[in-house]
């Protein structure tokens, strides 16, 4: 199955942290990275504290891991790379969100797919639109085209 992950971070060497997260994803069992979006620099969104800007991207993988297993492996990568959860939307070395999973829509205490806030976040939709120009992720049954047109993109800049 294909899945789309959102990667981001704003602490330490942001580029190196994204590269290390990507490397971690490439090492997951029964999983291979198919595509990666451009990297975007984005202003902090919905935060309670002063924070540096984020780097964000999206990655599409082909995996035989279940959505729950994939999420668990992503959380392990975050922990290995120094992610500490101390406050709501707090600064972080790396964050890996499971955004879309082919053939799966569901909600549990630990996982909701599609990710419930994709449509509100330009920092997710910008890299997502690199993977799905026009805003239609057809294999996932997810259309964000109207949301992409409507969302405020002022805090999102192509990085390098």
C-alpha atoms as a PDB file:
ATOM      1  CA  UNK A   1       0.000   0.000   0.000  1.00  0.00           C
ATOM      2  CA  UNK A   2       1.053   3.567  -0.526  1.00  0.00           C
ATOM      3  CA  UNK A   3       1.147   6.088   2.309  1.00  0.00           C
ATOM      4  CA  UNK A   4       1.986   9.764   2.540  1.00  0.00           C
ATOM      5  CA  UNK A   5       3.898  11.124   5.491  1.00  0.00           C
ATOM      6  CA  UNK A   6       4.414  14.735   6.517  1.00  0.00           C
ATOM      7  CA  UNK A   7       7.844  15.544   7.940  1.00  0.00           C
ATOM      8  CA  UNK A   8       8.792  18.716   9.753  1.00  0.00           C
ATOM      9  CA  UNK A   9      11.028  20.181  12.404  1.00  0.00           C
ATOM     10  CA  UNK A  10      12.384  23.438  13.728  1.00  0.00           C
ATOM     11  CA  UNK A  11      15.123  22.612  16.247  1.00  0.00           C
ATOM     12  CA  UNK A  12      18.801  21.902  15.670  1.00  0.00           C
ATOM     13  CA  UNK A  13      20.078  21.376  12.154  1.00  0.00           C
ATOM     14  CA  UNK A  14      16.684  21.262  10.463  1.00  0.00           C
ATOM     15  CA  UNK A  15      17.998  19.958   7.133  1.00  0.00           C
ATOM     16  CA  UNK A  16      20.037  17.235   8.790  1.00  0.00           C
ATOM     17  CA  UNK A  17      17.063  16.210  10.929  1.00  0.00           C
ATOM     18  CA  UNK A  18      14.831  15.858   7.858  1.00  0.00           C
ATOM     19  CA  UNK A  19      17.569  13.865   6.096  1.00  0.00           C
ATOM     20  CA  UNK A  20      17.922  11.594   9.138  1.00  0.00           C
ATOM     21  CA  UNK A  21      14.138  11.086   9.285  1.00  0.00           C
ATOM     22  CA  UNK A  22      14.117  10.190   5.587  1.00  0.00           C
ATOM     23  CA  UNK A  23      16.984   7.768   6.158  1.00  0.00           C
ATOM     24  CA  UNK A  24      15.002   6.201   9.006  1.00  0.00           C
ATOM     25  CA  UNK A  25      11.999   5.772   6.721  1.00  0.00           C
ATOM     26  CA  UNK A  26      14.193   4.174   4.058  1.00  0.00           C
ATOM     27  CA  UNK A  27      15.332   1.584   6.626  1.00  0.00           C
ATOM     28  CA  UNK A  28      11.833   0.548   7.694  1.00  0.00           C
ATOM     29  CA  UNK A  29      11.032  -3.104   6.989  1.00  0.00           C
ATOM     30  CA  UNK A  30       8.838  -3.835   3.971  1.00  0.00           C
ATOM     31  CA  UNK A  31       8.830  -0.130   3.092  1.00  0.00           C
ATOM     32  CA  UNK A  32      10.440   1.924   0.369  1.00  0.00           C
ATOM     33  CA  UNK A  33      10.410   5.632  -0.327  1.00  0.00           C
ATOM     34  CA  UNK A  34       8.815   6.423  -3.697  1.00  0.00           C
ATOM     35  CA  UNK A  35       8.872  10.229  -3.825  1.00  0.00           C
ATOM     36  CA  UNK A  36       9.662  13.318  -1.812  1.00  0.00           C
ATOM     37  CA  UNK A  37       8.294  16.826  -2.223  1.00  0.00           C
ATOM     38  CA  UNK A  38      10.285  20.009  -2.191  1.00  0.00           C
ATOM     39  CA  UNK A  39      11.218  21.319   1.224  1.00  0.00           C
ATOM     40  CA  UNK A  40       9.367  24.380   2.471  1.00  0.00           C
ATOM     41  CA  UNK A  41      10.272  26.823   5.212  1.00  0.00           C
ATOM     42  CA  UNK A  42       7.203  27.778   7.190  1.00  0.00           C
ATOM     43  CA  UNK A  43       6.270  30.077  10.018  1.00  0.00           C
ATOM     44  CA  UNK A  44       5.132  28.318  13.214  1.00  0.00           C
ATOM     45  CA  UNK A  45       1.393  27.628  13.129  1.00  0.00           C
ATOM     46  CA  UNK A  46      -1.013  27.458  16.090  1.00  0.00           C
ATOM     47  CA  UNK A  47       1.780  27.594  18.691  1.00  0.00           C
ATOM     48  CA  UNK A  48       1.789  28.812  22.278  1.00  0.00           C
ATOM     49  CA  UNK A  49       5.469  29.774  22.490  1.00  0.00           C
ATOM     50  CA  UNK A  50       8.018  31.717  20.437  1.00  0.00           C
ATOM     51  CA  UNK A  51       9.607  29.283  17.981  1.00  0.00           C
ATOM     52  CA  UNK A  52      11.979  29.243  15.013  1.00  0.00           C
ATOM     53  CA  UNK A  53      10.624  28.556  11.525  1.00  0.00           C
ATOM     54  CA  UNK A  54      10.029  24.971  10.410  1.00  0.00           C
ATOM     55  CA  UNK A  55      11.213  22.973   7.456  1.00  0.00           C
ATOM     56  CA  UNK A  56       8.455  20.737   6.055  1.00  0.00           C
ATOM     57  CA  UNK A  57       8.114  18.174   3.291  1.00  0.00           C
ATOM     58  CA  UNK A  58       5.969  15.193   2.328  1.00  0.00           C
ATOM     59  CA  UNK A  59       7.159  11.715   1.441  1.00  0.00           C
ATOM     60  CA  UNK A  60       5.266   8.950  -0.340  1.00  0.00           C
ATOM     61  CA  UNK A  61       6.163   5.403   0.598  1.00  0.00           C
ATOM     62  CA  UNK A  62       5.127   1.956  -0.515  1.00  0.00           C
ATOM     63  CA  UNK A  63       4.707  -0.212   2.580  1.00  0.00           C
ATOM     64  CA  UNK A  64       3.414  -3.527   3.748  1.00  0.00           C
ATOM     65  CA  UNK A  65       3.169  -2.161   7.309  1.00  0.00           C
ATOM     66  CA  UNK A  66      -0.341  -1.519   8.588  1.00  0.00           C
ATOM     67  CA  UNK A  67      -1.281   2.106   9.337  1.00  0.00           C
ATOM     68  CA  UNK A  68      -0.790   1.463  13.063  1.00  0.00           C
ATOM     69  CA  UNK A  69       2.584  -0.233  12.549  1.00  0.00           C
ATOM     70  CA  UNK A  70       3.735   2.573  10.260  1.00  0.00           C
ATOM     71  CA  UNK A  71       2.744   5.209  12.813  1.00  0.00           C
ATOM     72  CA  UNK A  72       4.544   3.318  15.584  1.00  0.00           C
ATOM     73  CA  UNK A  73       7.741   3.090  13.500  1.00  0.00           C
ATOM     74  CA  UNK A  74       7.507   6.830  12.710  1.00  0.00           C
ATOM     75  CA  UNK A  75       7.193   7.633  16.422  1.00  0.00           C
ATOM     76  CA  UNK A  76      10.295   5.502  17.069  1.00  0.00           C
ATOM     77  CA  UNK A  77      12.219   7.496  14.449  1.00  0.00           C
ATOM     78  CA  UNK A  78      11.091  10.744  16.103  1.00  0.00           C
ATOM     79  CA  UNK A  79      12.311   9.516  19.500  1.00  0.00           C
ATOM     80  CA  UNK A  80      15.669   8.379  18.081  1.00  0.00           C
ATOM     81  CA  UNK A  81      16.119  11.850  16.590  1.00  0.00           C
ATOM     82  CA  UNK A  82      15.501  13.597  19.903  1.00  0.00           C
ATOM     83  CA  UNK A  83      11.790  14.464  19.730  1.00  0.00           C
ATOM     84  CA  UNK A  84      10.523  15.462  23.161  1.00  0.00           C
ATOM     85  CA  UNK A  85       6.852  16.260  23.706  1.00  0.00           C
ATOM     86  CA  UNK A  86       6.602  18.959  26.351  1.00  0.00           C
ATOM     87  CA  UNK A  87       3.863  21.283  25.097  1.00  0.00           C
ATOM     88  CA  UNK A  88       1.057  21.381  22.565  1.00  0.00           C
ATOM     89  CA  UNK A  89       2.630  22.080  19.146  1.00  0.00           C
ATOM     90  CA  UNK A  90       5.954  22.642  20.870  1.00  0.00           C
ATOM     91  CA  UNK A  91       9.220  23.078  19.005  1.00  0.00           C
ATOM     92  CA  UNK A  92      10.689  19.779  17.855  1.00  0.00           C
ATOM     93  CA  UNK A  93      13.674  18.206  16.141  1.00  0.00           C
ATOM     94  CA  UNK A  94      11.389  16.181  13.891  1.00  0.00           C
ATOM     95  CA  UNK A  95       7.733  15.321  13.515  1.00  0.00           C
ATOM     96  CA  UNK A  96       6.431  12.573  11.233  1.00  0.00           C
ATOM     97  CA  UNK A  97       2.692  12.483  10.619  1.00  0.00           C
ATOM     98  CA  UNK A  98       0.822   9.780   8.749  1.00  0.00           C
ATOM     99  CA  UNK A  99      -1.319  11.889   6.423  1.00  0.00           C
ATOM    100  CA  UNK A 100      -2.827   9.408   3.956  1.00  0.00           C
ATOM    101  CA  UNK A 101      -2.868   5.624   3.636  1.00  0.00           C
ATOM    102  CA  UNK A 102      -4.148   3.923   0.489  1.00  0.00           C
ATOM    103  CA  UNK A 103      -7.367   2.006   1.052  1.00  0.00           C
ATOM    104  CA  UNK A 104      -7.695   3.083   4.678  1.00  0.00           C
ATOM    105  CA  UNK A 105      -9.821   5.680   6.384  1.00  0.00           C
ATOM    106  CA  UNK A 106     -10.271   5.438  10.094  1.00  0.00           C
ATOM    107  CA  UNK A 107     -10.154   7.049  13.482  1.00  0.00           C
ATOM    108  CA  UNK A 108      -8.821   5.763  16.779  1.00  0.00           C
ATOM    109  CA  UNK A 109      -7.375   7.313  19.902  1.00  0.00           C
ATOM    110  CA  UNK A 110      -3.867   7.314  18.418  1.00  0.00           C
ATOM    111  CA  UNK A 111      -4.459   7.632  14.662  1.00  0.00           C
ATOM    112  CA  UNK A 112      -6.857   9.363  12.295  1.00  0.00           C
ATOM    113  CA  UNK A 113      -6.428   8.896   8.542  1.00  0.00           C
ATOM    114  CA  UNK A 114      -6.675  11.058   6.552  1.00  0.00           C
ATOM    115  CA  UNK A 115      -4.951  13.340   9.022  1.00  0.00           C
ATOM    116  CA  UNK A 116      -7.759  15.571  10.330  1.00  0.00           C
ATOM    117  CA  UNK A 117      -5.990  18.922   9.883  1.00  0.00           C
ATOM    118  CA  UNK A 118      -4.496  18.627   6.380  1.00  0.00           C
ATOM    119  CA  UNK A 119      -7.087  21.014   4.957  1.00  0.00           C
ATOM    120  CA  UNK A 120      -6.224  23.777   7.465  1.00  0.00           C
ATOM    121  CA  UNK A 121      -2.473  23.749   7.001  1.00  0.00           C
ATOM    122  CA  UNK A 122      -0.678  25.341   4.079  1.00  0.00           C
ATOM    123  CA  UNK A 123       2.586  23.899   5.426  1.00  0.00           C
ATOM    124  CA  UNK A 124       1.171  20.436   4.712  1.00  0.00           C
ATOM    125  CA  UNK A 125      -0.715  21.205   1.510  1.00  0.00           C
ATOM    126  CA  UNK A 126       2.248  22.938  -0.184  1.00  0.00           C
ATOM    127  CA  UNK A 127       4.466  19.836  -0.158  1.00  0.00           C
ATOM    128  CA  UNK A 128       1.435  17.602  -0.686  1.00  0.00           C
ATOM    129  CA  UNK A 129       0.646  19.537  -3.858  1.00  0.00           C
ATOM    130  CA  UNK A 130       4.151  18.702  -5.142  1.00  0.00           C
ATOM    131  CA  UNK A 131       3.218  15.021  -4.934  1.00  0.00           C
ATOM    132  CA  UNK A 132      -0.326  15.603  -6.212  1.00  0.00           C
ATOM    133  CA  UNK A 133      -0.417  18.588  -8.578  1.00  0.00           C
ATOM    134  CA  UNK A 134      -3.937  19.920  -8.827  1.00  0.00           C
ATOM    135  CA  UNK A 135      -4.770  18.809  -5.304  1.00  0.00           C
ATOM    136  CA  UNK A 136      -6.213  15.396  -6.080  1.00  0.00           C
ATOM    137  CA  UNK A 137      -4.664  12.378  -4.388  1.00  0.00           C
ATOM    138  CA  UNK A 138      -6.827   9.967  -6.357  1.00  0.00           C
ATOM    139  CA  UNK A 139      -5.401   6.657  -5.089  1.00  0.00           C
ATOM    140  CA  UNK A 140      -6.151   7.855  -1.571  1.00  0.00           C
ATOM    141  CA  UNK A 141      -9.613   9.211  -2.378  1.00  0.00           C
ATOM    142  CA  UNK A 142      -8.535  12.620  -1.086  1.00  0.00           C
ATOM    143  CA  UNK A 143      -9.230  15.917  -2.830  1.00  0.00           C
ATOM    144  CA  UNK A 144      -7.694  19.034  -1.272  1.00  0.00           C
ATOM    145  CA  UNK A 145      -7.834  21.247  -4.367  1.00  0.00           C
ATOM    146  CA  UNK A 146     -10.407  23.718  -3.059  1.00  0.00           C
ATOM    147  CA  UNK A 147      -8.706  23.900   0.339  1.00  0.00           C
ATOM    148  CA  UNK A 148      -5.342  24.597  -1.319  1.00  0.00           C
ATOM    149  CA  UNK A 149      -6.864  27.441  -3.304  1.00  0.00           C
ATOM    150  CA  UNK A 150      -8.479  28.947  -0.190  1.00  0.00           C
ATOM    151  CA  UNK A 151      -5.772  28.563   2.472  1.00  0.00           C
ATOM    152  CA  UNK A 152      -3.456  31.415   3.508  1.00  0.00           C
ATOM    153  CA  UNK A 153      -0.042  30.556   2.002  1.00  0.00           C
ATOM    154  CA  UNK A 154       1.761  33.684   3.215  1.00  0.00           C
ATOM    155  CA  UNK A 155       3.858  31.815   5.806  1.00  0.00           C
ATOM    156  CA  UNK A 156       5.076  29.146   3.367  1.00  0.00           C
ATOM    157  CA  UNK A 157       8.259  29.620   1.297  1.00  0.00           C
ATOM    158  CA  UNK A 158      10.129  27.210  -0.955  1.00  0.00           C
ATOM    159  CA  UNK A 159      13.386  26.370   0.835  1.00  0.00           C
ATOM    160  CA  UNK A 160      16.564  26.568  -1.283  1.00  0.00           C
END
